[in-house]
Amino acid sequence: MLRFLLSFSLILIFQTLNAQRYRTAAGVRLGTGFGLSVQQRLFKQSTLEGIFQVPLRTTDDTKLTLLYEEHRKLIGKRFNFYYGAGIHRGWAASKDDPDPSGISLIAGVEMSLDRLNLSLDYKPSLNTFSGVRFFESQSALTLRYIILKQKKKKFNWKFWKKKKG
């Protein structure tokens, strides 16, 4: 009974938060590196995300990544998990090393609260085209500001009447 009440309470809390789905969001990414993230919703459950990441350690590479992501609901439409894939291009820390480029994957969870979007992810990269290391990985916490909110669809209670104009 206690589990049921706790679960029900959590669902109510998440459902009543003043949150919106978003169309465009941009912000900062902090984890194994520092970066910027811009996300644009393409379809109902998919986004395109661009990440520019600068290393915190001098031995890592600076990277630009473009990812296609699919979003799925966990608890309501405001708390999602997502996964995706894309490409990356980097600039080597050492001038003697080849610049890394290849395929990137991503998986994470995100929550939107009013105009803020918070996500936590894991992003492995395979340097399939060039680079010193074949496999690299990053994890990060990203805080984005929602620039454009998803428009709410209003139900037409008088659906039998034609709109004028």
N, C-alpha and C. Protein backbone atom coordinates (compact mmCIF):
# COMPACT_ATOMS: atom_id res chain seq x y z
N MET A 1 0.82 -1.20 0.00
CA MET A 1 0.00 0.00 0.00
C MET A 1 0.86 1.26 0.00
N LEU A 2 1.95 1.21 0.79
CA LEU A 2 2.85 2.36 0.85
C LEU A 2 3.50 2.62 -0.51
N ARG A 3 3.91 1.55 -1.19
CA ARG A 3 4.50 1.70 -2.53
C ARG A 3 3.52 2.33 -3.49
N PHE A 4 2.26 1.88 -3.43
CA PHE A 4 1.24 2.42 -4.32
C PHE A 4 1.05 3.92 -4.08
N LEU A 5 0.94 4.32 -2.81
CA LEU A 5 0.77 5.74 -2.49
C LEU A 5 1.97 6.57 -2.92
N LEU A 6 3.17 6.05 -2.70
CA LEU A 6 4.38 6.76 -3.12
C LEU A 6 4.43 6.89 -4.63
N SER A 7 4.15 5.83 -5.36
CA SER A 7 4.14 5.86 -6.82
C SER A 7 3.09 6.83 -7.34
N PHE A 8 1.89 6.76 -6.78
CA PHE A 8 0.80 7.64 -7.19
C PHE A 8 1.16 9.10 -6.92
N SER A 9 1.77 9.38 -5.78
CA SER A 9 2.17 10.75 -5.44
C SER A 9 3.22 11.28 -6.41
N LEU A 10 4.19 10.45 -6.75
CA LEU A 10 5.22 10.88 -7.71
C LEU A 10 4.63 11.19 -9.07
N ILE A 11 3.70 10.35 -9.52
CA ILE A 11 3.06 10.59 -10.81
C ILE A 11 2.27 11.90 -10.78
N LEU A 12 1.55 12.15 -9.70
CA LEU A 12 0.81 13.41 -9.58
C LEU A 12 1.74 14.61 -9.57
N ILE A 13 2.85 14.51 -8.86
CA ILE A 13 3.81 15.62 -8.81
C ILE A 13 4.34 15.92 -10.20
N PHE A 14 4.76 14.88 -10.92
CA PHE A 14 5.31 15.09 -12.26
C PHE A 14 4.26 15.61 -13.23
N GLN A 15 3.00 15.18 -13.07
CA GLN A 15 1.95 15.62 -13.96
C GLN A 15 1.54 17.06 -13.70
N THR A 16 1.68 17.54 -12.46
CA THR A 16 1.23 18.89 -12.14
C THR A 16 2.32 19.94 -12.27
N LEU A 17 3.55 19.55 -12.53
CA LEU A 17 4.60 20.54 -12.73
C LEU A 17 4.27 21.41 -13.93
N ASN A 18 4.57 22.69 -13.83
CA ASN A 18 4.30 23.60 -14.92
C ASN A 18 5.40 23.47 -15.97
N ALA A 19 5.30 22.46 -16.79
CA ALA A 19 6.33 22.19 -17.78
C ALA A 19 5.72 22.09 -19.16
N GLN A 20 6.54 22.34 -20.16
CA GLN A 20 6.09 22.30 -21.54
C GLN A 20 7.06 21.48 -22.35
N ARG A 21 6.53 20.87 -23.39
CA ARG A 21 7.44 20.30 -24.36
C ARG A 21 8.02 21.47 -25.15
N TYR A 22 9.15 21.26 -25.79
CA TYR A 22 9.82 22.36 -26.46
C TYR A 22 10.04 22.09 -27.94
N ARG A 23 10.25 23.15 -28.68
CA ARG A 23 10.61 23.06 -30.10
C ARG A 23 12.11 23.35 -30.25
N THR A 24 12.60 24.40 -29.59
CA THR A 24 14.00 24.78 -29.68
C THR A 24 14.53 25.09 -28.28
N ALA A 25 15.69 24.52 -27.96
CA ALA A 25 16.31 24.75 -26.65
C ALA A 25 17.82 24.83 -26.84
N ALA A 26 18.47 25.67 -26.04
CA ALA A 26 19.93 25.82 -26.11
C ALA A 26 20.47 26.05 -24.72
N GLY A 27 21.70 25.55 -24.48
CA GLY A 27 22.28 25.74 -23.16
C GLY A 27 23.68 25.19 -23.03
N VAL A 28 24.08 24.98 -21.77
CA VAL A 28 25.44 24.56 -21.46
C VAL A 28 25.46 23.08 -21.06
N ARG A 29 26.59 22.46 -21.35
CA ARG A 29 26.79 21.04 -21.10
C ARG A 29 28.06 20.90 -20.28
N LEU A 30 27.95 20.22 -19.13
CA LEU A 30 29.11 20.06 -18.26
C LEU A 30 29.23 18.61 -17.83
N GLY A 31 30.41 18.07 -18.00
CA GLY A 31 30.67 16.68 -17.63
C GLY A 31 32.15 16.40 -17.81
N THR A 32 32.46 15.47 -18.72
CA THR A 32 33.85 15.17 -19.02
C THR A 32 34.48 16.28 -19.85
N GLY A 33 33.68 17.23 -20.24
CA GLY A 33 34.12 18.42 -20.95
C GLY A 33 33.10 19.52 -20.71
N PHE A 34 33.38 20.70 -21.24
CA PHE A 34 32.44 21.83 -21.16
C PHE A 34 31.97 22.12 -22.56
N GLY A 35 30.67 22.36 -22.74
CA GLY A 35 30.21 22.60 -24.08
C GLY A 35 28.90 23.35 -24.16
N LEU A 36 28.46 23.50 -25.39
CA LEU A 36 27.19 24.12 -25.71
C LEU A 36 26.33 23.12 -26.46
N SER A 37 25.03 23.18 -26.20
CA SER A 37 24.10 22.26 -26.84
C SER A 37 22.92 23.05 -27.39
N VAL A 38 22.51 22.71 -28.62
CA VAL A 38 21.31 23.29 -29.22
C VAL A 38 20.48 22.12 -29.73
N GLN A 39 19.21 22.10 -29.32
CA GLN A 39 18.30 21.02 -29.72
C GLN A 39 17.11 21.61 -30.45
N GLN A 40 16.76 21.00 -31.58
CA GLN A 40 15.62 21.41 -32.37
C GLN A 40 14.71 20.21 -32.61
N ARG A 41 13.45 20.35 -32.22
CA ARG A 41 12.49 19.26 -32.45
C ARG A 41 12.19 19.19 -33.94
N LEU A 42 12.28 17.97 -34.50
CA LEU A 42 12.00 17.76 -35.92
C LEU A 42 10.59 17.21 -36.12
N PHE A 43 10.28 16.15 -35.39
CA PHE A 43 8.98 15.50 -35.47
C PHE A 43 8.44 15.35 -34.06
N LYS A 44 7.33 14.67 -33.89
CA LYS A 44 6.69 14.56 -32.59
C LYS A 44 7.63 14.01 -31.52
N GLN A 45 8.43 12.99 -31.83
CA GLN A 45 9.29 12.37 -30.83
C GLN A 45 10.76 12.37 -31.23
N SER A 46 11.17 13.29 -32.07
CA SER A 46 12.58 13.30 -32.48
C SER A 46 13.14 14.71 -32.51
N THR A 47 14.45 14.79 -32.23
CA THR A 47 15.14 16.07 -32.25
C THR A 47 16.46 15.93 -32.99
N LEU A 48 16.99 17.06 -33.37
CA LEU A 48 18.33 17.17 -33.92
C LEU A 48 19.12 17.99 -32.91
N GLU A 49 20.26 17.46 -32.45
CA GLU A 49 21.05 18.16 -31.43
C GLU A 49 22.46 18.40 -31.94
N GLY A 50 22.91 19.62 -31.77
CA GLY A 50 24.29 19.97 -32.07
C GLY A 50 25.02 20.24 -30.77
N ILE A 51 26.21 19.64 -30.62
CA ILE A 51 27.00 19.81 -29.39
C ILE A 51 28.40 20.26 -29.78
N PHE A 52 28.86 21.34 -29.17
CA PHE A 52 30.25 21.76 -29.30
C PHE A 52 30.89 21.56 -27.93
N GLN A 53 31.90 20.69 -27.86
CA GLN A 53 32.48 20.28 -26.58
C GLN A 53 33.97 20.62 -26.54
N VAL A 54 34.37 21.34 -25.49
CA VAL A 54 35.77 21.68 -25.25
C VAL A 54 36.24 20.84 -24.06
N PRO A 55 37.42 20.23 -24.14
CA PRO A 55 37.87 19.35 -23.06
C PRO A 55 38.23 20.10 -21.78
N LEU A 56 38.05 19.41 -20.66
CA LEU A 56 38.51 19.94 -19.38
C LEU A 56 39.96 19.53 -19.14
N ARG A 57 40.35 18.40 -19.73
CA ARG A 57 41.73 17.93 -19.64
C ARG A 57 42.44 18.28 -20.95
N THR A 58 43.71 18.59 -20.88
CA THR A 58 44.44 19.02 -22.07
C THR A 58 44.72 17.89 -23.06
N THR A 59 44.57 16.63 -22.63
CA THR A 59 44.86 15.51 -23.53
C THR A 59 43.66 15.13 -24.40
N ASP A 60 42.48 15.66 -24.11
CA ASP A 60 41.29 15.33 -24.89
C ASP A 60 41.15 16.28 -26.07
N ASP A 61 40.26 15.89 -27.00
CA ASP A 61 40.06 16.66 -28.22
C ASP A 61 38.80 17.52 -28.13
N THR A 62 38.79 18.65 -28.82
CA THR A 62 37.61 19.48 -28.98
C THR A 62 36.76 18.83 -30.06
N LYS A 63 35.42 18.77 -29.85
CA LYS A 63 34.56 18.08 -30.82
C LYS A 63 33.29 18.86 -31.13
N LEU A 64 32.84 18.68 -32.35
CA LEU A 64 31.55 19.17 -32.81
C LEU A 64 30.75 17.93 -33.21
N THR A 65 29.57 17.75 -32.63
CA THR A 65 28.77 16.54 -32.85
C THR A 65 27.37 16.94 -33.30
N LEU A 66 26.82 16.20 -34.26
CA LEU A 66 25.45 16.38 -34.72
C LEU A 66 24.73 15.05 -34.55
N LEU A 67 23.63 15.05 -33.77
CA LEU A 67 22.93 13.82 -33.40
C LEU A 67 21.45 13.87 -33.75
N TYR A 68 20.93 12.76 -34.24
CA TYR A 68 19.49 12.57 -34.40
C TYR A 68 19.03 11.74 -33.20
N GLU A 69 18.01 12.23 -32.48
CA GLU A 69 17.58 11.57 -31.24
C GLU A 69 16.10 11.26 -31.25
N GLU A 70 15.74 10.11 -30.71
CA GLU A 70 14.35 9.69 -30.51
C GLU A 70 14.04 9.81 -29.03
N HIS A 71 12.89 10.40 -28.69
CA HIS A 71 12.48 10.61 -27.30
C HIS A 71 11.27 9.75 -26.99
N ARG A 72 11.27 9.15 -25.81
CA ARG A 72 10.16 8.31 -25.35
C ARG A 72 9.78 8.73 -23.93
N LYS A 73 8.48 8.74 -23.65
CA LYS A 73 7.98 9.14 -22.34
C LYS A 73 8.35 8.12 -21.27
N LEU A 74 8.75 8.62 -20.11
CA LEU A 74 8.93 7.78 -18.92
C LEU A 74 7.77 8.02 -17.98
N ILE A 75 7.64 9.26 -17.53
CA ILE A 75 6.54 9.65 -16.64
C ILE A 75 5.93 10.90 -17.27
N GLY A 76 4.84 10.75 -17.96
CA GLY A 76 4.21 11.88 -18.62
C GLY A 76 5.05 12.39 -19.78
N LYS A 77 4.64 13.52 -20.35
CA LYS A 77 5.36 14.06 -21.50
C LYS A 77 6.51 14.96 -21.11
N ARG A 78 6.74 15.17 -19.82
CA ARG A 78 7.77 16.09 -19.36
C ARG A 78 9.05 15.39 -18.91
N PHE A 79 8.99 14.08 -18.71
CA PHE A 79 10.14 13.31 -18.26
C PHE A 79 10.35 12.18 -19.25
N ASN A 80 11.44 12.26 -20.03
CA ASN A 80 11.68 11.34 -21.14
C ASN A 80 13.03 10.65 -21.03
N PHE A 81 13.16 9.57 -21.74
CA PHE A 81 14.49 9.03 -22.02
C PHE A 81 14.68 9.18 -23.52
N TYR A 82 15.91 9.24 -23.95
CA TYR A 82 16.18 9.40 -25.37
C TYR A 82 17.44 8.64 -25.75
N TYR A 83 17.54 8.38 -27.03
CA TYR A 83 18.70 7.68 -27.59
C TYR A 83 18.87 8.17 -29.02
N GLY A 84 20.07 8.03 -29.53
CA GLY A 84 20.28 8.48 -30.89
C GLY A 84 21.69 8.22 -31.39
N ALA A 85 21.92 8.70 -32.60
CA ALA A 85 23.22 8.51 -33.24
C ALA A 85 23.48 9.67 -34.18
N GLY A 86 24.75 9.85 -34.51
CA GLY A 86 25.12 10.92 -35.42
C GLY A 86 26.60 10.85 -35.76
N ILE A 87 27.11 11.99 -36.17
CA ILE A 87 28.51 12.08 -36.56
C ILE A 87 29.22 13.14 -35.74
N HIS A 88 30.54 13.01 -35.66
CA HIS A 88 31.33 14.02 -34.96
C HIS A 88 32.60 14.33 -35.76
N ARG A 89 33.11 15.51 -35.52
CA ARG A 89 34.38 15.97 -36.10
C ARG A 89 35.12 16.66 -34.98
N GLY A 90 36.38 16.32 -34.81
CA GLY A 90 37.15 16.91 -33.72
C GLY A 90 38.42 17.57 -34.19
N TRP A 91 39.06 18.24 -33.25
CA TRP A 91 40.35 18.88 -33.47
C TRP A 91 41.28 18.34 -32.41
N ALA A 92 42.33 17.68 -32.84
CA ALA A 92 43.24 16.99 -31.93
C ALA A 92 43.95 17.96 -31.01
N ALA A 93 44.21 17.51 -29.78
CA ALA A 93 44.91 18.32 -28.80
C ALA A 93 46.37 18.53 -29.21
N SER A 94 46.94 17.54 -29.88
CA SER A 94 48.32 17.63 -30.34
C SER A 94 48.34 17.83 -31.86
N LYS A 95 49.20 18.69 -32.34
CA LYS A 95 49.27 18.96 -33.78
C LYS A 95 49.78 17.75 -34.56
N ASP A 96 50.47 16.84 -33.89
CA ASP A 96 51.01 15.65 -34.55
C ASP A 96 49.95 14.56 -34.74
N ASP A 97 48.86 14.60 -34.00
CA ASP A 97 47.82 13.57 -34.06
C ASP A 97 46.79 13.92 -35.13
N PRO A 98 46.18 12.90 -35.75
CA PRO A 98 45.09 13.16 -36.70
C PRO A 98 43.84 13.63 -35.98
N ASP A 99 43.08 14.50 -36.62
CA ASP A 99 41.83 14.98 -36.05
C ASP A 99 40.81 13.85 -36.01
N PRO A 100 40.13 13.63 -34.87
CA PRO A 100 39.16 12.54 -34.76
C PRO A 100 37.87 12.86 -35.52
N SER A 101 37.32 11.84 -36.15
CA SER A 101 36.01 11.97 -36.80
C SER A 101 35.39 10.59 -36.91
N GLY A 102 34.08 10.54 -36.82
CA GLY A 102 33.42 9.25 -36.88
C GLY A 102 31.98 9.31 -36.44
N ILE A 103 31.54 8.23 -35.78
CA ILE A 103 30.15 8.04 -35.38
C ILE A 103 30.00 8.22 -33.88
N SER A 104 28.95 8.94 -33.47
CA SER A 104 28.65 9.13 -32.05
C SER A 104 27.29 8.54 -31.74
N LEU A 105 27.15 8.00 -30.55
CA LEU A 105 25.88 7.49 -30.03
C LEU A 105 25.54 8.28 -28.78
N ILE A 106 24.27 8.27 -28.38
CA ILE A 106 23.88 8.98 -27.16
C ILE A 106 22.67 8.29 -26.54
N ALA A 107 22.60 8.31 -25.21
CA ALA A 107 21.44 7.81 -24.46
C ALA A 107 21.35 8.62 -23.18
N GLY A 108 20.14 8.99 -22.79
CA GLY A 108 20.01 9.78 -21.57
C GLY A 108 18.56 9.97 -21.15
N VAL A 109 18.40 10.77 -20.11
CA VAL A 109 17.07 11.14 -19.60
C VAL A 109 17.00 12.66 -19.55
N GLU A 110 15.78 13.18 -19.70
CA GLU A 110 15.60 14.63 -19.66
C GLU A 110 14.28 14.98 -19.00
N MET A 111 14.27 16.17 -18.41
CA MET A 111 13.06 16.68 -17.76
C MET A 111 12.94 18.17 -18.10
N SER A 112 11.73 18.59 -18.44
CA SER A 112 11.47 19.99 -18.73
C SER A 112 10.61 20.60 -17.65
N LEU A 113 11.04 21.74 -17.13
CA LEU A 113 10.31 22.49 -16.11
C LEU A 113 10.18 23.93 -16.57
N ASP A 114 8.97 24.32 -16.91
CA ASP A 114 8.69 25.65 -17.43
C ASP A 114 9.59 25.91 -18.64
N ARG A 115 10.56 26.81 -18.54
CA ARG A 115 11.44 27.12 -19.67
C ARG A 115 12.83 26.49 -19.54
N LEU A 116 12.99 25.57 -18.59
CA LEU A 116 14.28 24.90 -18.41
C LEU A 116 14.16 23.43 -18.78
N ASN A 117 15.20 22.93 -19.42
CA ASN A 117 15.29 21.52 -19.78
C ASN A 117 16.60 21.00 -19.21
N LEU A 118 16.51 19.95 -18.42
CA LEU A 118 17.68 19.36 -17.77
C LEU A 118 17.85 17.93 -18.28
N SER A 119 19.06 17.59 -18.72
CA SER A 119 19.28 16.22 -19.20
C SER A 119 20.59 15.67 -18.66
N LEU A 120 20.64 14.35 -18.55
CA LEU A 120 21.83 13.62 -18.13
C LEU A 120 22.03 12.52 -19.16
N ASP A 121 23.24 12.45 -19.76
CA ASP A 121 23.44 11.49 -20.83
C ASP A 121 24.81 10.84 -20.81
N TYR A 122 24.92 9.80 -21.63
CA TYR A 122 26.18 9.10 -21.89
C TYR A 122 26.35 9.11 -23.41
N LYS A 123 27.54 9.55 -23.89
CA LYS A 123 27.76 9.71 -25.32
C LYS A 123 29.08 9.07 -25.75
N PRO A 124 29.05 7.79 -26.16
CA PRO A 124 30.26 7.16 -26.68
C PRO A 124 30.51 7.58 -28.14
N SER A 125 31.78 7.63 -28.52
CA SER A 125 32.16 7.99 -29.89
C SER A 125 33.11 6.95 -30.45
N LEU A 126 32.89 6.60 -31.71
CA LEU A 126 33.78 5.70 -32.43
C LEU A 126 34.47 6.50 -33.52
N ASN A 127 35.77 6.64 -33.42
CA ASN A 127 36.53 7.38 -34.43
C ASN A 127 36.78 6.45 -35.61
N THR A 128 35.77 6.28 -36.43
CA THR A 128 35.83 5.33 -37.55
C THR A 128 36.61 5.88 -38.74
N PHE A 129 36.70 7.17 -38.89
CA PHE A 129 37.37 7.76 -40.06
C PHE A 129 38.81 8.15 -39.75
N SER A 130 39.04 8.74 -38.57
CA SER A 130 40.40 9.12 -38.17
C SER A 130 40.42 9.41 -36.68
N GLY A 131 41.62 9.50 -36.14
CA GLY A 131 41.78 9.77 -34.72
C GLY A 131 42.79 8.81 -34.11
N VAL A 132 43.35 9.19 -32.97
CA VAL A 132 44.34 8.35 -32.28
C VAL A 132 43.66 7.19 -31.57
N ARG A 133 42.59 7.48 -30.82
CA ARG A 133 41.85 6.44 -30.10
C ARG A 133 40.60 6.07 -30.89
N PHE A 134 40.32 4.77 -30.99
CA PHE A 134 39.13 4.33 -31.70
C PHE A 134 37.86 4.62 -30.90
N PHE A 135 37.90 4.40 -29.57
CA PHE A 135 36.73 4.56 -28.72
C PHE A 135 36.98 5.66 -27.69
N GLU A 136 36.02 6.57 -27.57
CA GLU A 136 36.04 7.62 -26.54
C GLU A 136 34.63 7.73 -25.99
N SER A 137 34.50 8.22 -24.77
CA SER A 137 33.15 8.39 -24.22
C SER A 137 33.09 9.66 -23.38
N GLN A 138 31.89 10.20 -23.32
CA GLN A 138 31.60 11.38 -22.52
C GLN A 138 30.30 11.15 -21.78
N SER A 139 30.17 11.80 -20.67
CA SER A 139 28.89 11.88 -19.97
C SER A 139 28.74 13.31 -19.52
N ALA A 140 27.50 13.78 -19.45
CA ALA A 140 27.32 15.19 -19.12
C ALA A 140 25.93 15.47 -18.57
N LEU A 141 25.86 16.55 -17.85
CA LEU A 141 24.62 17.14 -17.38
C LEU A 141 24.44 18.41 -18.21
N THR A 142 23.29 18.53 -18.86
CA THR A 142 23.05 19.67 -19.74
C THR A 142 21.85 20.46 -19.23
N LEU A 143 22.02 21.77 -19.13
CA LEU A 143 20.94 22.67 -18.75
C LEU A 143 20.66 23.58 -19.94
N ARG A 144 19.44 23.45 -20.49
CA ARG A 144 19.05 24.25 -21.65
C ARG A 144 17.91 25.18 -21.31
N TYR A 145 17.89 26.33 -21.97
CA TYR A 145 16.78 27.27 -21.89
C TYR A 145 15.88 26.99 -23.09
N ILE A 146 14.58 26.85 -22.84
CA ILE A 146 13.63 26.58 -23.92
C ILE A 146 13.29 27.90 -24.60
N ILE A 147 13.78 28.05 -25.82
CA ILE A 147 13.58 29.29 -26.58
C ILE A 147 12.19 29.32 -27.18
N LEU A 148 11.79 28.21 -27.82
CA LEU A 148 10.44 28.11 -28.39
C LEU A 148 9.73 26.92 -27.77
N LYS A 149 8.58 27.18 -27.15
CA LYS A 149 7.79 26.10 -26.56
C LYS A 149 6.93 25.44 -27.63
N GLN A 150 6.57 24.18 -27.36
CA GLN A 150 5.64 23.46 -28.21
C GLN A 150 4.27 24.09 -28.03
N LYS A 151 3.58 24.36 -29.12
CA LYS A 151 2.24 24.94 -29.02
C LYS A 151 1.28 23.90 -28.48
N LYS A 152 0.43 24.35 -27.56
CA LYS A 152 -0.59 23.46 -27.01
C LYS A 152 -1.72 23.33 -28.02
N LYS A 153 -2.18 22.10 -28.19
CA LYS A 153 -3.32 21.87 -29.07
C LYS A 153 -4.58 21.98 -28.23
N LYS A 154 -5.49 22.86 -28.66
CA LYS A 154 -6.75 23.01 -27.95
C LYS A 154 -7.80 22.16 -28.64
N PHE A 155 -8.57 21.46 -27.83
CA PHE A 155 -9.62 20.62 -28.38
C PHE A 155 -10.80 21.50 -28.75
N ASN A 156 -11.32 21.32 -29.96
CA ASN A 156 -12.47 22.06 -30.44
C ASN A 156 -13.74 21.33 -29.98
N TRP A 157 -14.35 21.87 -28.92
CA TRP A 157 -15.54 21.23 -28.38
C TRP A 157 -16.73 21.33 -29.34
N LYS A 158 -16.70 22.31 -30.22
CA LYS A 158 -17.78 22.47 -31.20
C LYS A 158 -17.25 22.03 -32.57
N PHE A 159 -16.78 20.79 -32.63
CA PHE A 159 -16.15 20.27 -33.84
C PHE A 159 -17.12 20.15 -35.01
N TRP A 160 -18.41 20.16 -34.74
CA TRP A 160 -19.41 20.04 -35.79
C TRP A 160 -19.62 21.36 -36.54
N LYS A 161 -19.15 22.48 -35.93
CA LYS A 161 -19.28 23.78 -36.58
C LYS A 161 -18.04 24.06 -37.42
N LYS A 162 -18.26 24.61 -38.58
CA LYS A 162 -17.14 24.98 -39.45
C LYS A 162 -16.57 26.30 -39.01
N LYS A 163 -15.25 26.43 -39.15
CA LYS A 163 -14.59 27.68 -38.81
C LYS A 163 -14.84 28.70 -39.92
N LYS A 164 -15.08 29.94 -39.52
CA LYS A 164 -15.30 31.02 -40.49
C LYS A 164 -13.94 31.59 -40.89
N GLY A 165 -13.86 31.99 -42.13
CA GLY A 165 -12.63 32.65 -42.55
C GLY A 165 -11.89 31.87 -43.48
